[in-house]
Amino acid sequence: MNRNHGNRFLIPAMLAGCLCAPLSAQFGGRDGDVVFFVLSHRGRQDFQTVAPGTANTAATNAQYKVTDTGALPFEVVLPSFPERKAQTPFRAVDDLFQMITQVEYEPTPRAEFTAKGKEFTLRGVLRDDNVGGKEKIDFIAGGFAPFTPGVTVGPDVGLNEVAVLLWRPDSTTPPFREVPLDYVGPRVPPGQTGPEFSLSLGKVPLFIPWNEMRKLYPGGDWPQGVDAKVIEEDPEIPSTIRLMRIRPGRKTPLFRVPARTHFFVLQGSANIASSGGAPVRMGRDWHAYVPAGHAISIANAKSPEAGQ
């Protein structure tokens, strides 16, 4: 979406239209598809196919990690926000990937973003009071928005349990801090509230068309039924975010990305395999950290008949 004044009114209406959509529709998949949230950091998100049998190095083999995020213990995000708990499949000084859950009907205080980051809503409805605006704003599943330091949001409440992905290129700085109700962050433009500004920067991936990987990367042996869509490219960090969809019975060729890359399952299940290693079954909320240059393949775990 373009970052213009008029679109901040369009985006809430589009989000409201997604509210009653089934899970598959919220993420742009169909029945039987597996859909990944894919974020690459410190390098290009370029899907490079390699010859079968290409060996990985001992160094990248040691870093490669597949995790059931939902089975991880909960951590406190900030003591002043006890309603929000984090599960962390990957943490480094300059690379933090978390799933944050907010308890339903437990309001949080007003907050100011203090660190740059990316947020993708997995499920639930978060209702922001939209202080200074005409009406409250709902953030729902399937929406993406960047964290912008100096922007204020809240108070808010989960109308049901809310789960979001939060990625940051700095694990040492808290993502937000509590501020007084009448405080307006320095990055909020005149005439807008913090939530309205965040929505103007955000996107609803459902409305972005899929592109066939075989057309994006001709000559790379990508089969029909493996697709992707770019959600955001941020040259400042740098980072790139896409959704990736694999139809039932389809499998990617062996490929690598010349950047640190996170794969998170939004929908369906898949078998991911490091070159030379045994496949690991990934279901919803599973995460794979793939080091730069590490060769993997991914297959949809369902039969071709599913979802047809």
Protein backbone atom coordinates (compact mmCIF):
# COMPACT_ATOMS: atom_id res chain seq x y z
CA MET A 1 0.00 0.00 0.00
CA ASN A 2 1.18 3.50 -0.69
CA ARG A 3 2.10 5.61 2.30
CA ASN A 4 -0.33 8.43 1.69
CA HIS A 5 -2.86 10.21 3.83
CA GLY A 6 -5.91 8.65 2.23
CA ASN A 7 -4.81 5.05 2.71
CA ARG A 8 -4.97 5.28 6.48
CA PHE A 9 -8.74 5.25 6.12
CA LEU A 10 -8.72 2.44 3.57
CA ILE A 11 -6.60 0.00 5.57
CA PRO A 12 -8.96 -0.39 8.61
CA ALA A 13 -11.84 -1.14 6.24
CA MET A 14 -9.76 -3.79 4.50
CA LEU A 15 -8.78 -5.30 7.83
CA ALA A 16 -12.40 -5.42 8.91
CA GLY A 17 -13.19 -7.32 5.73
CA CYS A 18 -10.63 -9.98 6.71
CA LEU A 19 -12.00 -10.44 10.21
CA CYS A 20 -14.39 -13.24 9.39
CA ALA A 21 -12.16 -14.91 6.80
CA PRO A 22 -10.95 -18.47 7.48
CA LEU A 23 -7.34 -18.97 8.54
CA SER A 24 -6.25 -20.00 5.05
CA ALA A 25 -7.72 -16.86 3.50
CA GLN A 26 -6.09 -14.56 6.05
CA PHE A 27 -2.66 -15.74 4.92
CA GLY A 28 -3.48 -16.13 1.23
CA GLY A 29 -3.36 -19.92 1.19
CA ARG A 30 -5.92 -22.51 0.17
CA ASP A 31 -6.96 -25.73 1.87
CA GLY A 32 -3.99 -28.07 1.95
CA ASP A 33 -1.39 -25.36 1.31
CA VAL A 34 1.51 -24.67 3.62
CA VAL A 35 2.28 -20.96 4.06
CA PHE A 36 5.48 -19.57 5.56
CA PHE A 37 6.41 -16.16 6.90
CA VAL A 38 9.98 -15.69 5.62
CA LEU A 39 12.30 -12.97 6.92
CA SER A 40 15.88 -12.50 5.77
CA HIS A 41 18.40 -10.26 7.52
CA ARG A 42 21.86 -8.93 6.66
CA GLY A 43 21.90 -9.98 3.04
CA ARG A 44 19.71 -10.43 -0.02
CA GLN A 45 16.67 -12.66 0.14
CA ASP A 46 17.63 -14.38 -3.07
CA PHE A 47 16.42 -17.98 -3.44
CA GLN A 48 19.34 -19.69 -5.19
CA THR A 49 18.89 -23.30 -6.29
CA VAL A 50 21.93 -25.55 -5.96
CA ALA A 51 22.83 -28.97 -7.31
CA PRO A 52 21.42 -32.02 -5.49
CA GLY A 53 23.89 -33.27 -2.93
CA THR A 54 25.48 -29.85 -2.36
CA ALA A 55 27.09 -30.12 1.07
CA ASN A 56 26.66 -27.62 3.88
CA THR A 57 29.58 -26.54 6.01
CA ALA A 58 30.08 -27.69 9.58
CA ALA A 59 29.59 -24.10 10.73
CA THR A 60 26.15 -23.65 9.15
CA ASN A 61 25.10 -27.16 10.18
CA ALA A 62 25.80 -26.19 13.79
CA GLN A 63 23.67 -23.03 13.52
CA TYR A 64 20.72 -24.52 11.62
CA LYS A 65 17.80 -25.00 14.01
CA VAL A 66 14.16 -26.15 13.78
CA THR A 67 11.91 -25.38 16.76
CA ASP A 68 8.30 -25.86 17.84
CA THR A 69 7.72 -22.30 19.10
CA GLY A 70 4.51 -23.25 20.86
CA ALA A 71 6.37 -25.74 23.08
CA LEU A 72 8.87 -23.16 24.35
CA PRO A 73 8.58 -21.67 27.86
CA PHE A 74 7.04 -18.24 28.22
CA GLU A 75 9.20 -15.23 29.06
CA VAL A 76 8.16 -11.84 30.41
CA VAL A 77 8.48 -9.22 27.69
CA LEU A 78 8.60 -6.31 30.14
CA PRO A 79 7.62 -6.26 33.84
CA SER A 80 5.31 -3.29 33.19
CA PHE A 81 3.42 -5.34 30.57
CA PRO A 82 2.64 -8.64 32.38
CA GLU A 83 -0.21 -9.34 29.93
CA ARG A 84 2.34 -10.06 27.18
CA LYS A 85 4.44 -13.23 27.21
CA ALA A 86 7.09 -14.20 24.68
CA GLN A 87 8.30 -17.51 23.27
CA THR A 88 11.69 -17.16 21.60
CA PRO A 89 12.86 -19.69 18.99
CA PHE A 90 15.90 -17.58 18.08
CA ARG A 91 17.94 -14.97 19.93
CA ALA A 92 21.19 -13.26 18.99
CA VAL A 93 22.48 -9.80 19.84
CA ASP A 94 21.45 -8.50 16.42
CA ASP A 95 18.64 -10.91 15.55
CA LEU A 96 15.62 -11.64 17.78
CA PHE A 97 12.61 -13.65 16.60
CA GLN A 98 9.69 -14.09 19.03
CA MET A 99 6.05 -15.09 19.19
CA ILE A 100 4.26 -12.84 21.67
CA THR A 101 0.92 -13.78 23.19
CA GLN A 102 -1.38 -11.30 24.91
CA VAL A 103 -3.98 -12.54 27.39
CA GLU A 104 -7.55 -11.76 26.37
CA TYR A 105 -9.46 -9.01 28.19
CA GLU A 106 -6.38 -7.85 30.10
CA PRO A 107 -5.74 -4.21 29.12
CA THR A 108 -2.20 -2.95 28.67
CA PRO A 109 -0.98 0.60 29.42
CA ARG A 110 -0.06 3.18 26.81
CA ALA A 111 3.30 2.45 25.21
CA GLU A 112 5.96 4.06 23.05
CA PHE A 113 8.00 1.98 20.62
CA THR A 114 11.67 2.25 21.55
CA ALA A 115 13.25 -0.06 18.97
CA LYS A 116 12.87 -0.74 15.26
CA GLY A 117 11.17 -3.99 14.41
CA LYS A 118 8.58 -5.89 12.37
CA GLU A 119 5.25 -7.21 13.61
CA PHE A 120 2.91 -9.70 11.97
CA THR A 121 -0.40 -10.65 13.61
CA LEU A 122 -1.01 -14.41 13.67
CA ARG A 123 -4.39 -14.60 15.36
CA GLY A 124 -6.79 -12.76 17.60
CA VAL A 125 -8.10 -9.20 17.65
CA LEU A 126 -6.24 -6.41 19.44
CA ARG A 127 -8.39 -3.33 20.07
CA ASP A 128 -6.47 -0.08 20.52
CA ASP A 129 -8.16 2.85 22.28
CA ASN A 130 -6.63 5.11 19.60
CA VAL A 131 -6.13 8.01 22.02
CA GLY A 132 -6.81 11.28 20.22
CA GLY A 133 -8.67 9.58 17.35
CA LYS A 134 -12.37 9.39 16.55
CA GLU A 135 -12.82 5.67 17.18
CA LYS A 136 -11.00 2.59 18.41
CA ILE A 137 -8.93 0.55 15.95
CA ASP A 138 -8.77 -3.23 15.65
CA PHE A 139 -5.58 -5.03 14.61
CA ILE A 140 -6.44 -8.54 13.38
CA ALA A 141 -4.79 -11.67 12.03
CA GLY A 142 -2.99 -11.38 8.73
CA GLY A 143 -1.83 -7.79 9.12
CA PHE A 144 1.77 -6.56 8.98
CA ALA A 145 3.18 -3.32 10.39
CA PRO A 146 6.69 -2.10 11.18
CA PHE A 147 7.69 -1.01 14.67
CA THR A 148 8.71 2.66 14.47
CA PRO A 149 10.64 4.12 17.43
CA GLY A 150 8.96 7.23 18.84
CA VAL A 151 5.40 6.14 17.97
CA THR A 152 2.84 5.79 20.77
CA VAL A 153 0.00 3.26 20.84
CA GLY A 154 -2.52 1.97 23.38
CA PRO A 155 -3.95 1.39 25.83
CA ASP A 156 -5.19 -1.77 24.13
CA VAL A 157 -6.94 -5.02 24.97
CA GLY A 158 -7.17 -8.43 23.32
CA LEU A 159 -10.79 -9.21 22.46
CA ASN A 160 -9.54 -12.80 22.43
CA GLU A 161 -6.06 -14.22 22.86
CA VAL A 162 -3.72 -12.38 20.51
CA ALA A 163 -0.53 -13.86 19.04
CA VAL A 164 1.95 -11.87 16.97
CA LEU A 165 5.38 -12.41 15.47
CA LEU A 166 7.87 -9.77 16.54
CA TRP A 167 11.28 -9.59 14.91
CA ARG A 168 13.96 -7.06 15.86
CA PRO A 169 17.57 -6.51 14.75
CA ASP A 170 18.53 -5.67 18.35
CA SER A 171 17.81 -7.94 21.30
CA THR A 172 19.41 -5.61 23.86
CA THR A 173 16.87 -2.76 23.69
CA PRO A 174 13.31 -3.22 25.07
CA PRO A 175 10.73 -3.02 22.25
CA PHE A 176 8.53 -0.47 24.04
CA ARG A 177 8.10 1.43 27.29
CA GLU A 178 5.13 2.57 29.36
CA VAL A 179 4.22 6.26 28.97
CA PRO A 180 1.50 8.56 30.38
CA LEU A 181 -1.91 8.48 28.72
CA ASP A 182 -1.55 12.00 27.32
CA TYR A 183 1.96 11.47 25.92
CA VAL A 184 2.33 11.58 22.13
CA GLY A 185 5.52 10.19 20.64
CA PRO A 186 7.81 12.45 18.58
CA ARG A 187 7.41 10.36 15.42
CA VAL A 188 3.60 10.61 15.28
CA PRO A 189 2.73 13.05 12.44
CA PRO A 190 0.39 15.99 13.14
CA GLY A 191 -3.24 15.08 12.54
CA GLN A 192 -2.68 11.37 13.12
CA THR A 193 -2.60 9.06 16.11
CA GLY A 194 0.06 6.42 16.66
CA PRO A 195 -2.19 3.51 15.62
CA GLU A 196 -3.33 5.39 12.52
CA PHE A 197 0.28 6.09 11.58
CA SER A 198 1.24 2.45 12.12
CA LEU A 199 -1.62 1.33 9.88
CA SER A 200 -0.54 3.77 7.16
CA LEU A 201 2.85 2.02 7.09
CA GLY A 202 1.39 -1.48 7.25
CA LYS A 203 0.15 -3.96 4.69
CA VAL A 204 -2.45 -6.68 4.44
CA PRO A 205 -0.65 -9.54 2.61
CA LEU A 206 -3.98 -11.05 1.57
CA PHE A 207 -4.30 -8.26 -1.01
CA ILE A 208 -0.83 -8.78 -2.49
CA PRO A 209 -0.84 -11.25 -5.43
CA TRP A 210 1.25 -14.40 -5.40
CA ASN A 211 4.10 -14.79 -7.89
CA GLU A 212 5.30 -18.15 -9.17
CA MET A 213 8.84 -18.93 -8.05
CA ARG A 214 9.55 -20.54 -11.45
CA LYS A 215 8.89 -17.14 -13.05
CA LEU A 216 10.76 -15.16 -10.41
CA TYR A 217 13.76 -17.49 -10.79
CA PRO A 218 13.67 -18.93 -14.32
CA GLY A 219 16.03 -21.81 -14.83
CA GLY A 220 16.04 -22.62 -11.13
CA ASP A 221 13.96 -25.84 -11.42
CA TRP A 222 11.17 -24.43 -9.26
CA PRO A 223 7.99 -26.47 -9.80
CA GLN A 224 4.55 -25.06 -10.40
CA GLY A 225 2.75 -24.68 -7.07
CA VAL A 226 5.55 -22.91 -5.18
CA ASP A 227 4.79 -19.19 -4.92
CA ALA A 228 5.89 -16.10 -3.00
CA LYS A 229 4.91 -12.51 -2.38
CA VAL A 230 7.05 -9.65 -1.05
CA ILE A 231 5.62 -7.94 2.05
CA GLU A 232 8.39 -5.48 2.80
CA GLU A 233 11.94 -4.61 1.83
CA ASP A 234 13.74 -2.41 4.34
CA PRO A 235 17.12 -1.22 3.03
CA GLU A 236 17.96 0.51 6.31
CA ILE A 237 18.36 -2.69 8.36
CA PRO A 238 18.50 -4.37 5.72
CA SER A 239 15.74 -6.97 5.79
CA THR A 240 13.22 -8.55 3.41
CA ILE A 241 9.92 -10.21 4.32
CA ARG A 242 7.90 -12.51 2.08
CA LEU A 243 5.18 -15.08 2.40
CA MET A 244 5.92 -18.39 0.68
CA ARG A 245 3.23 -20.87 -0.34
CA ILE A 246 3.65 -24.53 -1.30
CA ARG A 247 0.75 -26.47 -2.74
CA PRO A 248 -0.01 -30.09 -1.70
CA GLY A 249 2.46 -32.61 -3.08
CA ARG A 250 4.95 -29.97 -4.20
CA LYS A 251 8.57 -29.78 -3.12
CA THR A 252 11.16 -27.07 -3.60
CA PRO A 253 14.49 -27.82 -5.21
CA LEU A 254 17.53 -27.69 -2.94
CA PHE A 255 18.13 -23.97 -2.40
CA ARG A 256 19.96 -21.47 -0.26
CA VAL A 257 19.56 -17.80 0.65
CA PRO A 258 22.69 -15.61 1.02
CA ALA A 259 21.29 -14.06 4.21
CA ARG A 260 20.23 -15.24 7.65
CA THR A 261 16.65 -16.40 7.16
CA HIS A 262 13.73 -17.25 9.43
CA PHE A 263 10.96 -19.57 8.19
CA PHE A 264 7.79 -19.63 10.34
CA VAL A 265 4.77 -21.81 9.50
CA LEU A 266 1.54 -19.80 9.37
CA GLN A 267 -0.66 -22.52 7.90
CA GLY A 268 -0.40 -26.23 7.13
CA SER A 269 2.57 -28.53 7.65
CA ALA A 270 5.82 -29.14 5.81
CA ASN A 271 8.89 -31.32 5.82
CA ILE A 272 12.08 -29.28 5.89
CA ALA A 273 15.44 -30.92 5.25
CA SER A 274 18.97 -29.62 5.45
CA SER A 275 21.11 -30.96 2.60
CA GLY A 276 22.29 -34.40 3.66
CA GLY A 277 20.04 -34.44 6.73
CA ALA A 278 16.78 -36.12 7.66
CA PRO A 279 13.55 -34.14 7.09
CA VAL A 280 11.83 -32.57 10.08
CA ARG A 281 8.05 -32.17 10.18
CA MET A 282 6.98 -28.57 10.84
CA GLY A 283 3.42 -27.64 11.82
CA ARG A 284 1.78 -24.35 12.66
CA ASP A 285 4.00 -22.08 14.79
CA TRP A 286 7.15 -24.03 14.01
CA HIS A 287 10.24 -21.99 13.22
CA ALA A 288 13.41 -22.75 11.28
CA TYR A 289 16.53 -20.63 11.48
CA VAL A 290 18.59 -21.09 8.33
CA PRO A 291 22.09 -19.55 8.31
CA ALA A 292 23.27 -17.61 5.26
CA GLY A 293 24.21 -19.97 2.44
CA HIS A 294 22.81 -23.09 4.12
CA ALA A 295 21.11 -25.40 1.58
CA ILE A 296 17.65 -26.77 2.39
CA SER A 297 14.55 -28.13 0.69
CA ILE A 298 10.92 -27.93 1.78
CA ALA A 299 8.02 -30.21 0.86
CA ASN A 300 4.32 -29.82 1.54
CA ALA A 301 3.45 -32.67 3.91
CA LYS A 302 0.01 -33.24 2.38
CA SER A 303 -0.81 -35.45 -0.56
CA PRO A 304 -1.58 -33.83 -3.95
CA GLU A 305 -5.27 -34.65 -3.51
CA ALA A 306 -5.60 -32.39 -0.46
CA GLY A 307 -7.21 -29.09 -1.14
CA GLN A 308 -7.92 -29.77 -4.78
